[in-house]
Amino acid sequence: MQPSVFIDRTPGTVALLRSRVEEAGGDPDAVAEWVKARGGHVDQTQSYRRRGVGARYGGRESVSEQFYVVPTEALSQ
């Protein structure tokens, strides 16, 4: 599974999206426990509202997404 490079830039960690874990057939709750047991944590992106003129840009809101912040050394265990 490819790490998500656009969120949580804490040195020595990688971020993995919960949705990718689910797409791969993983158990998101079991992954959260595994991550926490290795010094990582679960976080969530913030939603935002896009402003603009016209139907294409008018008032869309992003959906927040949960992700796991995993210490890189835990990935080799």
PDB file of N, CA and C in Angstrom:
ATOM      1  N   MET A   1       0.853  -1.176   0.000  1.00  0.00           N
ATOM      2  CA  MET A   1       0.000   0.000   0.000  1.00  0.00           C
ATOM      3  C   MET A   1       0.895   1.235   0.000  1.00  0.00           C
ATOM      4  N   GLN A   2       0.619   2.172  -0.877  1.00  0.00           N
ATOM      5  CA  GLN A   2       1.409   3.395  -0.980  1.00  0.00           C
ATOM      6  C   GLN A   2       1.042   4.372   0.136  1.00  0.00           C
ATOM      7  N   PRO A   3       2.045   4.936   0.812  1.00  0.00           N
ATOM      8  CA  PRO A   3       1.755   5.956   1.822  1.00  0.00           C
ATOM      9  C   PRO A   3       1.186   7.209   1.165  1.00  0.00           C
ATOM     10  N   SER A   4       0.399   7.930   1.911  1.00  0.00           N
ATOM     11  CA  SER A   4      -0.149   9.202   1.440  1.00  0.00           C
ATOM     12  C   SER A   4       0.841  10.297   1.796  1.00  0.00           C
ATOM     13  N   VAL A   5       1.408  10.927   0.791  1.00  0.00           N
ATOM     14  CA  VAL A   5       2.472  11.906   1.033  1.00  0.00           C
ATOM     15  C   VAL A   5       1.941  13.309   1.287  1.00  0.00           C
ATOM     16  N   PHE A   6       0.646  13.533   1.125  1.00  0.00           N
ATOM     17  CA  PHE A   6       0.121  14.890   1.219  1.00  0.00           C
ATOM     18  C   PHE A   6      -0.433  15.251   2.589  1.00  0.00           C
ATOM     19  N   ILE A   7      -0.388  14.366   3.558  1.00  0.00           N
ATOM     20  CA  ILE A   7      -0.881  14.667   4.898  1.00  0.00           C
ATOM     21  C   ILE A   7       0.140  14.243   5.949  1.00  0.00           C
ATOM     22  N   ASP A   8       0.097  14.898   7.084  1.00  0.00           N
ATOM     23  CA  ASP A   8       0.969  14.656   8.239  1.00  0.00           C
ATOM     24  C   ASP A   8       2.429  14.463   7.847  1.00  0.00           C
ATOM     25  N   ARG A   9       3.147  15.537   7.815  1.00  0.00           N
ATOM     26  CA  ARG A   9       4.550  15.505   7.420  1.00  0.00           C
ATOM     27  C   ARG A   9       5.478  15.421   8.629  1.00  0.00           C
ATOM     28  N   THR A  10       5.069  14.750   9.692  1.00  0.00           N
ATOM     29  CA  THR A  10       5.907  14.565  10.861  1.00  0.00           C
ATOM     30  C   THR A  10       7.133  13.752  10.453  1.00  0.00           C
ATOM     31  N   PRO A  11       8.335  14.236  10.731  1.00  0.00           N
ATOM     32  CA  PRO A  11       9.536  13.477  10.364  1.00  0.00           C
ATOM     33  C   PRO A  11       9.518  12.076  10.977  1.00  0.00           C
ATOM     34  N   GLY A  12       9.927  11.094  10.200  1.00  0.00           N
ATOM     35  CA  GLY A  12      10.005   9.717  10.695  1.00  0.00           C
ATOM     36  C   GLY A  12       8.687   8.978  10.669  1.00  0.00           C
ATOM     37  N   THR A  13       7.676   9.528  10.004  1.00  0.00           N
ATOM     38  CA  THR A  13       6.380   8.860   9.910  1.00  0.00           C
ATOM     39  C   THR A  13       5.884   8.866   8.468  1.00  0.00           C
ATOM     40  N   VAL A  14       4.925   8.000   8.209  1.00  0.00           N
ATOM     41  CA  VAL A  14       4.177   8.024   6.951  1.00  0.00           C
ATOM     42  C   VAL A  14       2.697   8.018   7.306  1.00  0.00           C
ATOM     43  N   ALA A  15       1.890   8.532   6.401  1.00  0.00           N
ATOM     44  CA  ALA A  15       0.443   8.566   6.615  1.00  0.00           C
ATOM     45  C   ALA A  15      -0.218   7.607   5.639  1.00  0.00           C
ATOM     46  N   LEU A  16      -1.122   6.789   6.148  1.00  0.00           N
ATOM     47  CA  LEU A  16      -1.872   5.843   5.330  1.00  0.00           C
ATOM     48  C   LEU A  16      -3.354   6.138   5.480  1.00  0.00           C
ATOM     49  N   LEU A  17      -4.040   6.308   4.368  1.00  0.00           N
ATOM     50  CA  LEU A  17      -5.470   6.607   4.407  1.00  0.00           C
ATOM     51  C   LEU A  17      -6.277   5.388   4.821  1.00  0.00           C
ATOM     52  N   ARG A  18      -7.243   5.594   5.680  1.00  0.00           N
ATOM     53  CA  ARG A  18      -8.148   4.519   6.101  1.00  0.00           C
ATOM     54  C   ARG A  18      -8.879   3.933   4.895  1.00  0.00           C
ATOM     55  N   SER A  19      -9.271   4.782   3.955  1.00  0.00           N
ATOM     56  CA  SER A  19      -9.997   4.299   2.775  1.00  0.00           C
ATOM     57  C   SER A  19      -9.162   3.319   1.962  1.00  0.00           C
ATOM     58  N   ARG A  20      -7.851   3.521   1.918  1.00  0.00           N
ATOM     59  CA  ARG A  20      -6.987   2.588   1.191  1.00  0.00           C
ATOM     60  C   ARG A  20      -6.860   1.266   1.916  1.00  0.00           C
ATOM     61  N   VAL A  21      -6.859   1.313   3.238  1.00  0.00           N
ATOM     62  CA  VAL A  21      -6.843   0.070   4.022  1.00  0.00           C
ATOM     63  C   VAL A  21      -8.121  -0.723   3.736  1.00  0.00           C
ATOM     64  N   GLU A  22      -9.252  -0.025   3.733  1.00  0.00           N
ATOM     65  CA  GLU A  22     -10.531  -0.681   3.458  1.00  0.00           C
ATOM     66  C   GLU A  22     -10.576  -1.239   2.040  1.00  0.00           C
ATOM     67  N   GLU A  23     -10.074  -0.477   1.050  1.00  0.00           N
ATOM     68  CA  GLU A  23     -10.042  -0.939  -0.338  1.00  0.00           C
ATOM     69  C   GLU A  23      -9.196  -2.195  -0.494  1.00  0.00           C
ATOM     70  N   ALA A  24      -8.137  -2.310   0.308  1.00  0.00           N
ATOM     71  CA  ALA A  24      -7.250  -3.468   0.247  1.00  0.00           C
ATOM     72  C   ALA A  24      -7.818  -4.661   1.012  1.00  0.00           C
ATOM     73  N   GLY A  25      -8.984  -4.489   1.638  1.00  0.00           N
ATOM     74  CA  GLY A  25      -9.611  -5.577   2.380  1.00  0.00           C
ATOM     75  C   GLY A  25      -9.166  -5.687   3.826  1.00  0.00           C
ATOM     76  N   GLY A  26      -8.469  -4.657   4.309  1.00  0.00           N
ATOM     77  CA  GLY A  26      -7.996  -4.673   5.691  1.00  0.00           C
ATOM     78  C   GLY A  26      -9.076  -4.266   6.676  1.00  0.00           C
ATOM     79  N   ASP A  27      -8.854  -4.613   7.930  1.00  0.00           N
ATOM     80  CA  ASP A  27      -9.758  -4.245   9.023  1.00  0.00           C
ATOM     81  C   ASP A  27      -9.264  -2.926   9.605  1.00  0.00           C
ATOM     82  N   PRO A  28      -9.971  -1.814   9.366  1.00  0.00           N
ATOM     83  CA  PRO A  28      -9.478  -0.513   9.822  1.00  0.00           C
ATOM     84  C   PRO A  28      -9.304  -0.401  11.333  1.00  0.00           C
ATOM     85  N   ASP A  29     -10.139  -1.072  12.102  1.00  0.00           N
ATOM     86  CA  ASP A  29      -9.997  -1.016  13.559  1.00  0.00           C
ATOM     87  C   ASP A  29      -8.766  -1.790  14.023  1.00  0.00           C
ATOM     88  N   ALA A  30      -8.495  -2.931  13.408  1.00  0.00           N
ATOM     89  CA  ALA A  30      -7.298  -3.710  13.744  1.00  0.00           C
ATOM     90  C   ALA A  30      -6.041  -2.944  13.356  1.00  0.00           C
ATOM     91  N   VAL A  31      -6.074  -2.256  12.216  1.00  0.00           N
ATOM     92  CA  VAL A  31      -4.930  -1.445  11.792  1.00  0.00           C
ATOM     93  C   VAL A  31      -4.709  -0.306  12.780  1.00  0.00           C
ATOM     94  N   ALA A  32      -5.777   0.333  13.246  1.00  0.00           N
ATOM     95  CA  ALA A  32      -5.650   1.419  14.219  1.00  0.00           C
ATOM     96  C   ALA A  32      -4.983   0.922  15.503  1.00  0.00           C
ATOM     97  N   GLU A  33      -5.378  -0.242  15.977  1.00  0.00           N
ATOM     98  CA  GLU A  33      -4.764  -0.807  17.186  1.00  0.00           C
ATOM     99  C   GLU A  33      -3.286  -1.119  16.959  1.00  0.00           C
ATOM    100  N   TRP A  34      -2.968  -1.680  15.791  1.00  0.00           N
ATOM    101  CA  TRP A  34      -1.576  -2.007  15.445  1.00  0.00           C
ATOM    102  C   TRP A  34      -0.740  -0.730  15.418  1.00  0.00           C
ATOM    103  N   VAL A  35      -1.269   0.319  14.800  1.00  0.00           N
ATOM    104  CA  VAL A  35      -0.559   1.595  14.691  1.00  0.00           C
ATOM    105  C   VAL A  35      -0.320   2.180  16.084  1.00  0.00           C
ATOM    106  N   LYS A  36      -1.344   2.210  16.917  1.00  0.00           N
ATOM    107  CA  LYS A  36      -1.218   2.768  18.267  1.00  0.00           C
ATOM    108  C   LYS A  36      -0.228   1.978  19.109  1.00  0.00           C
ATOM    109  N   ALA A  37      -0.194   0.659  18.953  1.00  0.00           N
ATOM    110  CA  ALA A  37       0.727  -0.185  19.716  1.00  0.00           C
ATOM    111  C   ALA A  37       2.182   0.073  19.337  1.00  0.00           C
ATOM    112  N   ARG A  38       2.411   0.698  18.192  1.00  0.00           N
ATOM    113  CA  ARG A  38       3.755   0.974  17.721  1.00  0.00           C
ATOM    114  C   ARG A  38       4.114   2.456  17.768  1.00  0.00           C
ATOM    115  N   GLY A  39       3.353   3.209  18.561  1.00  0.00           N
ATOM    116  CA  GLY A  39       3.674   4.618  18.777  1.00  0.00           C
ATOM    117  C   GLY A  39       3.074   5.580  17.770  1.00  0.00           C
ATOM    118  N   GLY A  40       2.206   5.094  16.899  1.00  0.00           N
ATOM    119  CA  GLY A  40       1.539   5.962  15.932  1.00  0.00           C
ATOM    120  C   GLY A  40       0.201   6.435  16.462  1.00  0.00           C
ATOM    121  N   HIS A  41      -0.559   7.064  15.608  1.00  0.00           N
ATOM    122  CA  HIS A  41      -1.880   7.519  16.014  1.00  0.00           C
ATOM    123  C   HIS A  41      -2.802   7.647  14.804  1.00  0.00           C
ATOM    124  N   VAL A  42      -4.067   7.802  15.092  1.00  0.00           N
ATOM    125  CA  VAL A  42      -5.081   7.997  14.062  1.00  0.00           C
ATOM    126  C   VAL A  42      -5.434   9.479  14.048  1.00  0.00           C
ATOM    127  N   ASP A  43      -5.563  10.040  12.862  1.00  0.00           N
ATOM    128  CA  ASP A  43      -5.893  11.454  12.726  1.00  0.00           C
ATOM    129  C   ASP A  43      -6.933  11.608  11.618  1.00  0.00           C
ATOM    130  N   GLN A  44      -7.357  12.817  11.380  1.00  0.00           N
ATOM    131  CA  GLN A  44      -8.385  13.068  10.374  1.00  0.00           C
ATOM    132  C   GLN A  44      -8.107  14.398   9.686  1.00  0.00           C
ATOM    133  N   THR A  45      -8.272  14.419   8.359  1.00  0.00           N
ATOM    134  CA  THR A  45      -8.114  15.669   7.633  1.00  0.00           C
ATOM    135  C   THR A  45      -9.278  16.579   7.978  1.00  0.00           C
ATOM    136  N   GLN A  46      -9.079  17.874   7.808  1.00  0.00           N
ATOM    137  CA  GLN A  46     -10.164  18.815   8.045  1.00  0.00           C
ATOM    138  C   GLN A  46     -10.934  19.035   6.759  1.00  0.00           C
ATOM    139  N   SER A  47     -12.230  19.122   6.877  1.00  0.00           N
ATOM    140  CA  SER A  47     -13.025  19.445   5.698  1.00  0.00           C
ATOM    141  C   SER A  47     -12.897  20.941   5.435  1.00  0.00           C
ATOM    142  N   TYR A  48     -13.123  21.329   4.225  1.00  0.00           N
ATOM    143  CA  TYR A  48     -13.081  22.738   3.866  1.00  0.00           C
ATOM    144  C   TYR A  48     -14.170  23.020   2.840  1.00  0.00           C
ATOM    145  N   ARG A  49     -14.493  24.251   2.706  1.00  0.00           N
ATOM    146  CA  ARG A  49     -15.535  24.676   1.774  1.00  0.00           C
ATOM    147  C   ARG A  49     -14.893  25.499   0.670  1.00  0.00           C
ATOM    148  N   ARG A  50     -15.112  25.077  -0.567  1.00  0.00           N
ATOM    149  CA  ARG A  50     -14.595  25.821  -1.719  1.00  0.00           C
ATOM    150  C   ARG A  50     -15.577  26.913  -2.078  1.00  0.00           C
ATOM    151  N   ARG A  51     -15.057  28.077  -2.281  1.00  0.00           N
ATOM    152  CA  ARG A  51     -15.892  29.194  -2.689  1.00  0.00           C
ATOM    153  C   ARG A  51     -15.559  29.554  -4.129  1.00  0.00           C
ATOM    154  N   GLY A  52     -16.545  29.992  -4.838  1.00  0.00           N
ATOM    155  CA  GLY A  52     -16.314  30.414  -6.207  1.00  0.00           C
ATOM    156  C   GLY A  52     -17.610  30.849  -6.850  1.00  0.00           C
ATOM    157  N   VAL A  53     -17.487  31.273  -8.073  1.00  0.00           N
ATOM    158  CA  VAL A  53     -18.631  31.762  -8.814  1.00  0.00           C
ATOM    159  C   VAL A  53     -19.029  30.716  -9.844  1.00  0.00           C
ATOM    160  N   GLY A  54     -20.320  30.504  -9.976  1.00  0.00           N
ATOM    161  CA  GLY A  54     -20.810  29.580 -10.988  1.00  0.00           C
ATOM    162  C   GLY A  54     -21.088  28.196 -10.422  1.00  0.00           C
ATOM    163  N   ALA A  55     -21.811  27.421 -11.209  1.00  0.00           N
ATOM    164  CA  ALA A  55     -22.219  26.085 -10.774  1.00  0.00           C
ATOM    165  C   ALA A  55     -21.028  25.163 -10.545  1.00  0.00           C
ATOM    166  N   ARG A  56     -19.968  25.361 -11.291  1.00  0.00           N
ATOM    167  CA  ARG A  56     -18.805  24.486 -11.171  1.00  0.00           C
ATOM    168  C   ARG A  56     -18.106  24.629  -9.825  1.00  0.00           C
ATOM    169  N   TYR A  57     -18.063  25.823  -9.280  1.00  0.00           N
ATOM    170  CA  TYR A  57     -17.320  26.058  -8.053  1.00  0.00           C
ATOM    171  C   TYR A  57     -18.198  26.410  -6.852  1.00  0.00           C
ATOM    172  N   GLY A  58     -19.445  26.601  -7.041  1.00  0.00           N
ATOM    173  CA  GLY A  58     -20.296  27.152  -6.004  1.00  0.00           C
ATOM    174  C   GLY A  58     -20.457  26.302  -4.762  1.00  0.00           C
ATOM    175  N   GLY A  59     -19.772  26.652  -3.712  1.00  0.00           N
ATOM    176  CA  GLY A  59     -20.016  26.124  -2.388  1.00  0.00           C
ATOM    177  C   GLY A  59     -19.838  24.634  -2.169  1.00  0.00           C
ATOM    178  N   ARG A  60     -18.885  24.010  -2.781  1.00  0.00           N
ATOM    179  CA  ARG A  60     -18.638  22.589  -2.507  1.00  0.00           C
ATOM    180  C   ARG A  60     -17.872  22.427  -1.207  1.00  0.00           C
ATOM    181  N   GLU A  61     -18.122  21.333  -0.547  1.00  0.00           N
ATOM    182  CA  GLU A  61     -17.414  21.047   0.694  1.00  0.00           C
ATOM    183  C   GLU A  61     -16.702  19.715   0.560  1.00  0.00           C
ATOM    184  N   SER A  62     -15.447  19.667   1.011  1.00  0.00           N
ATOM    185  CA  SER A  62     -14.712  18.411   0.970  1.00  0.00           C
ATOM    186  C   SER A  62     -15.157  17.540   2.145  1.00  0.00           C
ATOM    187  N   VAL A  63     -14.916  16.278   2.025  1.00  0.00           N
ATOM    188  CA  VAL A  63     -15.224  15.336   3.096  1.00  0.00           C
ATOM    189  C   VAL A  63     -13.926  15.066   3.850  1.00  0.00           C
ATOM    190  N   SER A  64     -13.974  15.127   5.179  1.00  0.00           N
ATOM    191  CA  SER A  64     -12.774  14.809   5.945  1.00  0.00           C
ATOM    192  C   SER A  64     -12.521  13.310   5.851  1.00  0.00           C
ATOM    193  N   GLU A  65     -11.259  12.951   5.944  1.00  0.00           N
ATOM    194  CA  GLU A  65     -10.884  11.550   5.794  1.00  0.00           C
ATOM    195  C   GLU A  65      -9.938  11.134   6.910  1.00  0.00           C
ATOM    196  N   GLN A  66     -10.171   9.977   7.459  1.00  0.00           N
ATOM    197  CA  GLN A  66      -9.348   9.459   8.539  1.00  0.00           C
ATOM    198  C   GLN A  66      -8.086   8.826   7.960  1.00  0.00           C
ATOM    199  N   PHE A  67      -6.976   8.970   8.690  1.00  0.00           N
ATOM    200  CA  PHE A  67      -5.725   8.352   8.262  1.00  0.00           C
ATOM    201  C   PHE A  67      -4.914   7.930   9.478  1.00  0.00           C
ATOM    202  N   TYR A  68      -3.961   7.032   9.227  1.00  0.00           N
ATOM    203  CA  TYR A  68      -3.078   6.510  10.264  1.00  0.00           C
ATOM    204  C   TYR A  68      -1.705   7.142  10.088  1.00  0.00           C
ATOM    205  N   VAL A  69      -1.108   7.611  11.179  1.00  0.00           N
ATOM    206  CA  VAL A  69       0.251   8.140  11.168  1.00  0.00           C
ATOM    207  C   VAL A  69       1.133   7.050  11.774  1.00  0.00           C
ATOM    208  N   VAL A  70       1.989   6.480  10.939  1.00  0.00           N
ATOM    209  CA  VAL A  70       2.770   5.302  11.321  1.00  0.00           C
ATOM    210  C   VAL A  70       4.258   5.652  11.355  1.00  0.00           C
ATOM    211  N   PRO A  71       4.944   5.353  12.463  1.00  0.00           N
ATOM    212  CA  PRO A  71       6.402   5.536  12.475  1.00  0.00           C
ATOM    213  C   PRO A  71       7.034   4.624  11.422  1.00  0.00           C
ATOM    214  N   THR A  72       7.983   5.149  10.659  1.00  0.00           N
ATOM    215  CA  THR A  72       8.573   4.364   9.566  1.00  0.00           C
ATOM    216  C   THR A  72       9.254   3.100  10.069  1.00  0.00           C
ATOM    217  N   GLU A  73       9.842   3.130  11.255  1.00  0.00           N
ATOM    218  CA  GLU A  73      10.511   1.919  11.769  1.00  0.00           C
ATOM    219  C   GLU A  73       9.509   0.799  12.049  1.00  0.00           C
ATOM    220  N   ALA A  74       8.251   1.140  12.307  1.00  0.00           N
ATOM    221  CA  ALA A  74       7.213   0.114  12.558  1.00  0.00           C
ATOM    222  C   ALA A  74       6.880  -0.662  11.288  1.00  0.00           C
ATOM    223  N   LEU A  75       7.115  -0.062  10.131  1.00  0.00           N
ATOM    224  CA  LEU A  75       6.776  -0.716   8.879  1.00  0.00           C
ATOM    225  C   LEU A  75       7.708  -1.881   8.557  1.00  0.00           C
ATOM    226  N   SER A  76       8.889  -1.901   9.169  1.00  0.00           N
ATOM    227  CA  SER A  76       9.825  -2.993   8.908  1.00  0.00           C
ATOM    228  C   SER A  76       9.673  -4.145   9.897  1.00  0.00           C
ATOM    229  N   GLN A  77       8.731  -4.028  10.829  1.00  0.00           N
ATOM    230  CA  GLN A  77       8.524  -5.072  11.854  1.00  0.00           C
ATOM    231  C   GLN A  77       7.623  -6.163  11.325  1.00  0.00           C
TER     232      GLN A  77
END
